[in-house]
Amino acid sequence: MKNYLFPVYLVTAVLIVYVTAIQVNLNTSLILFVFSISPILILWMVYRVLTAEVEVTSTFEEKWYEDQ
């Protein structure tokens, strides 16, 4: 697994747990805790993805519409 994809997987898993906790009506403090840390997790994910050292070999004009 690539290092820059780990935050995406982790934050997605937290989102699934959060939605599931709401649906099964788990402890309100757990739901509020996950809700309160979610902005921090989102910012961490965005930072890790944007600062990932991935070399892009194509230009915007080449990959604008890939259905062509």
PDB file of N, CA and C in Angstrom:
ATOM      1  N   MET A   1       0.851  -1.176   0.000  1.00  0.00           N
ATOM      2  CA  MET A   1       0.000   0.000   0.000  1.00  0.00           C
ATOM      3  C   MET A   1       0.893   1.234   0.000  1.00  0.00           C
ATOM      4  N   LYS A   2       0.481   2.224  -0.739  1.00  0.00           N
ATOM      5  CA  LYS A   2       1.261   3.444  -0.816  1.00  0.00           C
ATOM      6  C   LYS A   2       1.006   4.301   0.420  1.00  0.00           C
ATOM      7  N   ASN A   3       2.047   4.984   0.887  1.00  0.00           N
ATOM      8  CA  ASN A   3       1.939   5.765   2.116  1.00  0.00           C
ATOM      9  C   ASN A   3       0.932   6.893   2.033  1.00  0.00           C
ATOM     10  N   TYR A   4       0.788   7.507   0.879  1.00  0.00           N
ATOM     11  CA  TYR A   4      -0.129   8.633   0.782  1.00  0.00           C
ATOM     12  C   TYR A   4      -1.592   8.183   0.729  1.00  0.00           C
ATOM     13  N   LEU A   5      -1.862   6.910   0.529  1.00  0.00           N
ATOM     14  CA  LEU A   5      -3.232   6.413   0.520  1.00  0.00           C
ATOM     15  C   LEU A   5      -3.714   5.981   1.903  1.00  0.00           C
ATOM     16  N   PHE A   6      -2.808   5.762   2.835  1.00  0.00           N
ATOM     17  CA  PHE A   6      -3.203   5.334   4.168  1.00  0.00           C
ATOM     18  C   PHE A   6      -4.148   6.317   4.851  1.00  0.00           C
ATOM     19  N   PRO A   7      -3.894   7.626   4.827  1.00  0.00           N
ATOM     20  CA  PRO A   7      -4.853   8.551   5.446  1.00  0.00           C
ATOM     21  C   PRO A   7      -6.238   8.497   4.810  1.00  0.00           C
ATOM     22  N   VAL A   8      -6.305   8.272   3.515  1.00  0.00           N
ATOM     23  CA  VAL A   8      -7.597   8.191   2.840  1.00  0.00           C
ATOM     24  C   VAL A   8      -8.365   6.973   3.349  1.00  0.00           C
ATOM     25  N   TYR A   9      -7.688   5.843   3.456  1.00  0.00           N
ATOM     26  CA  TYR A   9      -8.340   4.634   3.959  1.00  0.00           C
ATOM     27  C   TYR A   9      -8.765   4.791   5.412  1.00  0.00           C
ATOM     28  N   LEU A  10      -7.916   5.391   6.225  1.00  0.00           N
ATOM     29  CA  LEU A  10      -8.223   5.544   7.643  1.00  0.00           C
ATOM     30  C   LEU A  10      -9.407   6.479   7.868  1.00  0.00           C
ATOM     31  N   VAL A  11      -9.413   7.613   7.195  1.00  0.00           N
ATOM     32  CA  VAL A  11     -10.504   8.574   7.370  1.00  0.00           C
ATOM     33  C   VAL A  11     -11.806   7.997   6.812  1.00  0.00           C
ATOM     34  N   THR A  12     -11.737   7.239   5.743  1.00  0.00           N
ATOM     35  CA  THR A  12     -12.932   6.581   5.223  1.00  0.00           C
ATOM     36  C   THR A  12     -13.467   5.558   6.217  1.00  0.00           C
ATOM     37  N   ALA A  13     -12.577   4.812   6.847  1.00  0.00           N
ATOM     38  CA  ALA A  13     -13.004   3.838   7.858  1.00  0.00           C
ATOM     39  C   ALA A  13     -13.643   4.529   9.057  1.00  0.00           C
ATOM     40  N   VAL A  14     -13.084   5.652   9.484  1.00  0.00           N
ATOM     41  CA  VAL A  14     -13.667   6.407  10.596  1.00  0.00           C
ATOM     42  C   VAL A  14     -15.048   6.916  10.205  1.00  0.00           C
ATOM     43  N   LEU A  15     -15.212   7.363   8.976  1.00  0.00           N
ATOM     44  CA  LEU A  15     -16.516   7.820   8.508  1.00  0.00           C
ATOM     45  C   LEU A  15     -17.542   6.691   8.530  1.00  0.00           C
ATOM     46  N   ILE A  16     -17.141   5.505   8.103  1.00  0.00           N
ATOM     47  CA  ILE A  16     -18.058   4.363   8.110  1.00  0.00           C
ATOM     48  C   ILE A  16     -18.441   3.990   9.534  1.00  0.00           C
ATOM     49  N   VAL A  17     -17.467   4.007  10.446  1.00  0.00           N
ATOM     50  CA  VAL A  17     -17.759   3.714  11.852  1.00  0.00           C
ATOM     51  C   VAL A  17     -18.687   4.770  12.432  1.00  0.00           C
ATOM     52  N   TYR A  18     -18.467   6.017  12.089  1.00  0.00           N
ATOM     53  CA  TYR A  18     -19.299   7.115  12.591  1.00  0.00           C
ATOM     54  C   TYR A  18     -20.744   6.966  12.134  1.00  0.00           C
ATOM     55  N   VAL A  19     -20.941   6.716  10.860  1.00  0.00           N
ATOM     56  CA  VAL A  19     -22.293   6.568  10.328  1.00  0.00           C
ATOM     57  C   VAL A  19     -22.970   5.331  10.923  1.00  0.00           C
ATOM     58  N   THR A  20     -22.221   4.255  11.078  1.00  0.00           N
ATOM     59  CA  THR A  20     -22.773   3.048  11.677  1.00  0.00           C
ATOM     60  C   THR A  20     -23.155   3.284  13.133  1.00  0.00           C
ATOM     61  N   ALA A  21     -22.326   4.017  13.865  1.00  0.00           N
ATOM     62  CA  ALA A  21     -22.629   4.321  15.266  1.00  0.00           C
ATOM     63  C   ALA A  21     -23.904   5.139  15.391  1.00  0.00           C
ATOM     64  N   ILE A  22     -24.134   6.032  14.464  1.00  0.00           N
ATOM     65  CA  ILE A  22     -25.366   6.818  14.487  1.00  0.00           C
ATOM     66  C   ILE A  22     -26.572   5.927  14.188  1.00  0.00           C
ATOM     67  N   GLN A  23     -26.424   5.052  13.213  1.00  0.00           N
ATOM     68  CA  GLN A  23     -27.549   4.212  12.806  1.00  0.00           C
ATOM     69  C   GLN A  23     -27.962   3.201  13.875  1.00  0.00           C
ATOM     70  N   VAL A  24     -26.990   2.658  14.609  1.00  0.00           N
ATOM     71  CA  VAL A  24     -27.322   1.667  15.647  1.00  0.00           C
ATOM     72  C   VAL A  24     -27.522   2.322  17.007  1.00  0.00           C
ATOM     73  N   ASN A  25     -27.472   3.654  17.030  1.00  0.00           N
ATOM     74  CA  ASN A  25     -27.749   4.438  18.237  1.00  0.00           C
ATOM     75  C   ASN A  25     -26.815   4.061  19.395  1.00  0.00           C
ATOM     76  N   LEU A  26     -25.519   4.105  19.123  1.00  0.00           N
ATOM     77  CA  LEU A  26     -24.518   3.842  20.156  1.00  0.00           C
ATOM     78  C   LEU A  26     -24.438   5.016  21.125  1.00  0.00           C
ATOM     79  N   ASN A  27     -23.534   4.913  22.034  1.00  0.00           N
ATOM     80  CA  ASN A  27     -23.342   5.937  23.061  1.00  0.00           C
ATOM     81  C   ASN A  27     -23.142   7.315  22.419  1.00  0.00           C
ATOM     82  N   THR A  28     -23.860   8.290  22.902  1.00  0.00           N
ATOM     83  CA  THR A  28     -23.797   9.636  22.334  1.00  0.00           C
ATOM     84  C   THR A  28     -22.419  10.260  22.508  1.00  0.00           C
ATOM     85  N   SER A  29     -21.751   9.952  23.589  1.00  0.00           N
ATOM     86  CA  SER A  29     -20.417  10.525  23.797  1.00  0.00           C
ATOM     87  C   SER A  29     -19.421  10.005  22.768  1.00  0.00           C
ATOM     88  N   LEU A  30     -19.550   8.749  22.363  1.00  0.00           N
ATOM     89  CA  LEU A  30     -18.680   8.209  21.312  1.00  0.00           C
ATOM     90  C   LEU A  30     -18.951   8.902  19.985  1.00  0.00           C
ATOM     91  N   ILE A  31     -20.201   9.104  19.660  1.00  0.00           N
ATOM     92  CA  ILE A  31     -20.567   9.777  18.409  1.00  0.00           C
ATOM     93  C   ILE A  31     -20.048  11.212  18.408  1.00  0.00           C
ATOM     94  N   LEU A  32     -20.210  11.911  19.513  1.00  0.00           N
ATOM     95  CA  LEU A  32     -19.734  13.293  19.594  1.00  0.00           C
ATOM     96  C   LEU A  32     -18.204  13.368  19.562  1.00  0.00           C
ATOM     97  N   PHE A  33     -17.532  12.381  20.139  1.00  0.00           N
ATOM     98  CA  PHE A  33     -16.074  12.362  20.100  1.00  0.00           C
ATOM     99  C   PHE A  33     -15.570  12.194  18.674  1.00  0.00           C
ATOM    100  N   VAL A  34     -16.135  11.241  17.954  1.00  0.00           N
ATOM    101  CA  VAL A  34     -15.718  11.024  16.560  1.00  0.00           C
ATOM    102  C   VAL A  34     -16.045  12.254  15.717  1.00  0.00           C
ATOM    103  N   PHE A  35     -17.203  12.861  15.976  1.00  0.00           N
ATOM    104  CA  PHE A  35     -17.568  14.077  15.255  1.00  0.00           C
ATOM    105  C   PHE A  35     -16.587  15.210  15.542  1.00  0.00           C
ATOM    106  N   SER A  36     -16.115  15.312  16.783  1.00  0.00           N
ATOM    107  CA  SER A  36     -15.213  16.405  17.142  1.00  0.00           C
ATOM    108  C   SER A  36     -13.805  16.230  16.587  1.00  0.00           C
ATOM    109  N   ILE A  37     -13.353  14.994  16.412  1.00  0.00           N
ATOM    110  CA  ILE A  37     -12.008  14.804  15.856  1.00  0.00           C
ATOM    111  C   ILE A  37     -12.011  14.716  14.331  1.00  0.00           C
ATOM    112  N   SER A  38     -13.178  14.646  13.719  1.00  0.00           N
ATOM    113  CA  SER A  38     -13.228  14.489  12.267  1.00  0.00           C
ATOM    114  C   SER A  38     -12.587  15.646  11.490  1.00  0.00           C
ATOM    115  N   PRO A  39     -12.730  16.924  11.902  1.00  0.00           N
ATOM    116  CA  PRO A  39     -12.035  17.975  11.140  1.00  0.00           C
ATOM    117  C   PRO A  39     -10.515  17.829  11.178  1.00  0.00           C
ATOM    118  N   ILE A  40      -9.995  17.383  12.304  1.00  0.00           N
ATOM    119  CA  ILE A  40      -8.544  17.176  12.408  1.00  0.00           C
ATOM    120  C   ILE A  40      -8.109  16.065  11.463  1.00  0.00           C
ATOM    121  N   LEU A  41      -8.887  14.987  11.417  1.00  0.00           N
ATOM    122  CA  LEU A  41      -8.551  13.883  10.517  1.00  0.00           C
ATOM    123  C   LEU A  41      -8.629  14.305   9.053  1.00  0.00           C
ATOM    124  N   ILE A  42      -9.627  15.102   8.716  1.00  0.00           N
ATOM    125  CA  ILE A  42      -9.759  15.567   7.330  1.00  0.00           C
ATOM    126  C   ILE A  42      -8.576  16.453   6.945  1.00  0.00           C
ATOM    127  N   LEU A  43      -8.197  17.368   7.826  1.00  0.00           N
ATOM    128  CA  LEU A  43      -7.046  18.238   7.543  1.00  0.00           C
ATOM    129  C   LEU A  43      -5.765  17.433   7.405  1.00  0.00           C
ATOM    130  N   TRP A  44      -5.584  16.427   8.261  1.00  0.00           N
ATOM    131  CA  TRP A  44      -4.409  15.567   8.175  1.00  0.00           C
ATOM    132  C   TRP A  44      -4.395  14.805   6.850  1.00  0.00           C
ATOM    133  N   MET A  45      -5.548  14.294   6.434  1.00  0.00           N
ATOM    134  CA  MET A  45      -5.631  13.567   5.179  1.00  0.00           C
ATOM    135  C   MET A  45      -5.306  14.476   3.998  1.00  0.00           C
ATOM    136  N   VAL A  46      -5.875  15.665   3.978  1.00  0.00           N
ATOM    137  CA  VAL A  46      -5.624  16.595   2.885  1.00  0.00           C
ATOM    138  C   VAL A  46      -4.149  16.976   2.828  1.00  0.00           C
ATOM    139  N   TYR A  47      -3.557  17.247   3.970  1.00  0.00           N
ATOM    140  CA  TYR A  47      -2.142  17.609   4.010  1.00  0.00           C
ATOM    141  C   TYR A  47      -1.269  16.471   3.487  1.00  0.00           C
ATOM    142  N   ARG A  48      -1.528  15.246   3.931  1.00  0.00           N
ATOM    143  CA  ARG A  48      -0.711  14.110   3.499  1.00  0.00           C
ATOM    144  C   ARG A  48      -0.848  13.831   2.015  1.00  0.00           C
ATOM    145  N   VAL A  49      -2.050  13.985   1.475  1.00  0.00           N
ATOM    146  CA  VAL A  49      -2.247  13.730   0.051  1.00  0.00           C
ATOM    147  C   VAL A  49      -1.606  14.835  -0.785  1.00  0.00           C
ATOM    148  N   LEU A  50      -1.763  16.085  -0.358  1.00  0.00           N
ATOM    149  CA  LEU A  50      -1.194  17.185  -1.144  1.00  0.00           C
ATOM    150  C   LEU A  50       0.324  17.262  -1.071  1.00  0.00           C
ATOM    151  N   THR A  51       0.912  16.778   0.004  1.00  0.00           N
ATOM    152  CA  THR A  51       2.369  16.816   0.125  1.00  0.00           C
ATOM    153  C   THR A  51       3.029  15.495  -0.259  1.00  0.00           C
ATOM    154  N   ALA A  52       2.275  14.566  -0.800  1.00  0.00           N
ATOM    155  CA  ALA A  52       2.840  13.278  -1.219  1.00  0.00           C
ATOM    156  C   ALA A  52       3.795  13.493  -2.387  1.00  0.00           C
ATOM    157  N   GLU A  53       4.867  12.762  -2.360  1.00  0.00           N
ATOM    158  CA  GLU A  53       5.868  12.878  -3.415  1.00  0.00           C
ATOM    159  C   GLU A  53       5.512  11.937  -4.561  1.00  0.00           C
ATOM    160  N   VAL A  54       4.553  12.365  -5.358  1.00  0.00           N
ATOM    161  CA  VAL A  54       4.109  11.595  -6.513  1.00  0.00           C
ATOM    162  C   VAL A  54       4.456  12.396  -7.749  1.00  0.00           C
ATOM    163  N   GLU A  55       5.167  11.770  -8.660  1.00  0.00           N
ATOM    164  CA  GLU A  55       5.563  12.459  -9.881  1.00  0.00           C
ATOM    165  C   GLU A  55       4.475  12.280 -10.931  1.00  0.00           C
ATOM    166  N   VAL A  56       3.975  13.382 -11.416  1.00  0.00           N
ATOM    167  CA  VAL A  56       2.942  13.359 -12.451  1.00  0.00           C
ATOM    168  C   VAL A  56       3.622  13.495 -13.802  1.00  0.00           C
ATOM    169  N   THR A  57       3.361  12.533 -14.673  1.00  0.00           N
ATOM    170  CA  THR A  57       4.048  12.537 -15.973  1.00  0.00           C
ATOM    171  C   THR A  57       3.187  13.103 -17.093  1.00  0.00           C
ATOM    172  N   SER A  58       1.904  13.312 -16.848  1.00  0.00           N
ATOM    173  CA  SER A  58       1.038  13.846 -17.901  1.00  0.00           C
ATOM    174  C   SER A  58       0.633  15.272 -17.558  1.00  0.00           C
ATOM    175  N   THR A  59       0.243  16.001 -18.587  1.00  0.00           N
ATOM    176  CA  THR A  59      -0.188  17.380 -18.385  1.00  0.00           C
ATOM    177  C   THR A  59      -1.707  17.435 -18.290  1.00  0.00           C
ATOM    178  N   PHE A  60      -2.212  18.585 -17.893  1.00  0.00           N
ATOM    179  CA  PHE A  60      -3.648  18.778 -17.777  1.00  0.00           C
ATOM    180  C   PHE A  60      -4.316  18.675 -19.135  1.00  0.00           C
ATOM    181  N   GLU A  61      -3.689  19.190 -20.162  1.00  0.00           N
ATOM    182  CA  GLU A  61      -4.266  19.146 -21.497  1.00  0.00           C
ATOM    183  C   GLU A  61      -4.349  17.714 -22.027  1.00  0.00           C
ATOM    184  N   GLU A  62      -3.387  16.875 -21.668  1.00  0.00           N
ATOM    185  CA  GLU A  62      -3.403  15.488 -22.131  1.00  0.00           C
ATOM    186  C   GLU A  62      -4.483  14.660 -21.444  1.00  0.00           C
ATOM    187  N   LYS A  63      -4.713  14.904 -20.184  1.00  0.00           N
ATOM    188  CA  LYS A  63      -5.646  14.083 -19.400  1.00  0.00           C
ATOM    189  C   LYS A  63      -6.930  14.812 -19.039  1.00  0.00           C
ATOM    190  N   TRP A  64      -7.266  15.872 -19.737  1.00  0.00           N
ATOM    191  CA  TRP A  64      -8.464  16.649 -19.393  1.00  0.00           C
ATOM    192  C   TRP A  64      -9.710  15.783 -19.508  1.00  0.00           C
ATOM    193  N   TYR A  65      -9.875  15.135 -20.637  1.00  0.00           N
ATOM    194  CA  TYR A  65     -11.059  14.310 -20.848  1.00  0.00           C
ATOM    195  C   TYR A  65     -10.575  12.981 -21.386  1.00  0.00           C
ATOM    196  N   GLU A  66     -10.557  11.961 -20.543  1.00  0.00           N
ATOM    197  CA  GLU A  66      -9.940  10.702 -20.923  1.00  0.00           C
ATOM    198  C   GLU A  66     -10.846   9.796 -21.750  1.00  0.00           C
ATOM    199  N   ASP A  67     -12.065  10.194 -22.020  1.00  0.00           N
ATOM    200  CA  ASP A  67     -12.960   9.376 -22.813  1.00  0.00           C
ATOM    201  C   ASP A  67     -12.739   9.541 -24.319  1.00  0.00           C
ATOM    202  N   GLN A  68     -11.882  10.423 -24.713  1.00  0.00           N
ATOM    203  CA  GLN A  68     -11.707  10.713 -26.130  1.00  0.00           C
ATOM    204  C   GLN A  68     -11.097   9.554 -26.864  1.00  0.00           C
TER     205      GLN A  68
END
